[in-house]
Protein backbone atom coordinates (compact mmCIF):
# COMPACT_ATOMS: atom_id res chain seq x y z
CA MET A 1 47.41 85.17 -0.57
CA ALA A 2 45.67 81.97 0.58
CA HIS A 3 42.43 83.86 1.18
CA GLU A 4 42.48 85.20 -2.38
CA ILE A 5 43.00 81.72 -3.92
CA ASN A 6 40.08 80.33 -1.91
CA GLN A 7 37.84 83.40 -2.02
CA ALA A 8 34.93 81.69 -3.80
CA CYS A 9 34.94 78.91 -1.21
CA ILE A 10 35.26 81.34 1.70
CA GLU A 11 32.32 83.34 0.39
CA ALA A 12 30.21 80.20 -0.14
CA CYS A 13 31.00 79.06 3.41
CA ASN A 14 30.04 82.45 4.91
CA ALA A 15 26.84 82.61 2.83
CA CYS A 16 25.98 79.06 3.87
CA ALA A 17 26.55 79.81 7.55
CA ASP A 18 24.23 82.81 7.26
CA ALA A 19 21.53 80.82 5.45
CA CYS A 20 21.77 78.07 8.07
CA ASP A 21 21.44 80.53 10.95
CA HIS A 22 18.39 82.05 9.28
CA CYS A 23 16.92 78.64 8.57
CA ALA A 24 17.37 77.41 12.14
CA ALA A 25 15.80 80.57 13.58
CA SER A 26 12.90 80.31 11.12
CA CYS A 27 12.38 76.64 11.83
CA LEU A 28 11.99 77.45 15.50
CA GLN A 29 9.00 79.62 14.53
CA GLU A 30 7.22 76.83 12.59
CA GLN A 31 4.01 75.26 13.92
CA ASP A 32 5.54 71.79 14.39
CA VAL A 33 9.02 72.52 15.73
CA GLN A 34 9.58 68.85 16.62
CA MET A 35 9.21 67.93 12.94
CA MET A 36 11.99 70.42 12.20
CA ALA A 37 14.40 69.14 14.91
CA ARG A 38 16.83 67.40 12.54
CA CYS A 39 16.84 70.42 10.20
CA ILE A 40 17.62 72.76 13.10
CA ALA A 41 20.40 70.52 14.44
CA LEU A 42 22.02 70.20 11.02
CA ASP A 43 21.65 73.96 10.44
CA ILE A 44 23.58 74.61 13.66
CA ASP A 45 26.30 72.08 12.82
CA CYS A 46 26.62 73.36 9.28
CA ALA A 47 26.87 77.02 10.25
CA ALA A 48 29.60 76.20 12.77
CA ILE A 49 31.76 74.13 10.39
CA CYS A 50 31.31 76.62 7.54
CA ARG A 51 32.63 79.44 9.70
CA LEU A 52 35.49 77.27 10.91
CA ALA A 53 36.39 76.28 7.33
CA ALA A 54 36.31 79.92 6.17
CA GLY A 55 38.70 80.83 8.96
CA TYR A 56 41.10 78.01 8.16
CA MET A 57 41.16 79.04 4.52
CA SER A 58 41.62 82.69 5.33
CA ARG A 59 44.63 81.85 7.45
CA GLY A 60 46.05 79.44 4.92
CA SER A 61 46.03 76.61 7.40
CA GLU A 62 47.64 73.34 6.37
CA PHE A 63 44.43 71.62 7.55
CA ALA A 64 42.06 73.72 5.40
CA ALA A 65 41.64 71.14 2.64
CA ARG A 66 40.85 68.31 5.08
CA LEU A 67 38.39 70.50 7.00
CA CYS A 68 36.72 71.54 3.75
CA ALA A 69 36.22 67.87 2.84
CA VAL A 70 34.31 67.38 6.10
CA CYS A 71 32.50 70.69 5.62
CA ALA A 72 31.27 69.46 2.20
CA ASP A 73 29.82 66.34 3.84
CA VAL A 74 28.05 68.35 6.54
CA CYS A 75 26.72 70.83 3.95
CA GLN A 76 25.45 67.99 1.80
CA SER A 77 23.57 66.43 4.74
CA CYS A 78 22.11 69.75 5.79
CA GLY A 79 21.12 70.63 2.24
CA ASP A 80 19.47 67.26 1.70
CA GLU A 81 17.45 67.65 4.90
CA CYS A 82 16.41 71.25 4.11
CA ALA A 83 15.35 70.26 0.60
CA LYS A 84 12.71 67.93 2.15
CA HIS A 85 10.84 70.94 3.50
CA ASP A 86 8.71 73.31 1.45
CA MET A 87 9.35 76.48 3.41
CA GLU A 88 11.32 79.10 1.54
CA HIS A 89 13.93 79.44 4.28
CA CYS A 90 14.64 75.71 4.00
CA GLN A 91 14.78 75.84 0.20
CA ALA A 92 17.16 78.83 0.29
CA CYS A 93 19.32 77.01 2.85
CA ALA A 94 19.37 73.89 0.68
CA ARG A 95 20.66 75.94 -2.28
CA ALA A 96 23.38 77.64 -0.16
CA CYS A 97 24.42 74.27 1.28
CA GLN A 98 24.72 72.70 -2.17
CA ARG A 99 26.83 75.64 -3.46
CA CYS A 100 29.09 75.40 -0.38
CA ALA A 101 29.40 71.62 -0.68
CA ASP A 102 30.47 72.01 -4.34
CA GLU A 103 33.01 74.78 -3.53
CA CYS A 104 34.43 72.83 -0.58
CA ARG A 105 34.83 69.72 -2.69
CA ARG A 106 36.76 71.73 -5.31
CA MET A 107 38.94 73.31 -2.62
CA ALA A 108 39.66 69.93 -0.97
CA ALA A 109 40.56 68.22 -4.26
């Protein structure tokens, strides 16, 4: 039942994790990888916490709302960083992060 109530947030978290994985891998192929270091690090952190939050919600964990509040903060930071870069993979990631941050804030409220 818990997974049905939070389905939109779970889907946003999974989509964000996928976008972050793709962004990190794509950033590693850019000419100036050092310039992308913060983006890559945030992508990795964001993907990890999104998958963790989705699992907590799917199981109906009593800690899901608190974890989603932190997930929203990480997604916001990752999305803000990705938005600074013109590459399509970064822009797509920024959109996925913003959607996930919004869903996680709603879930945590």
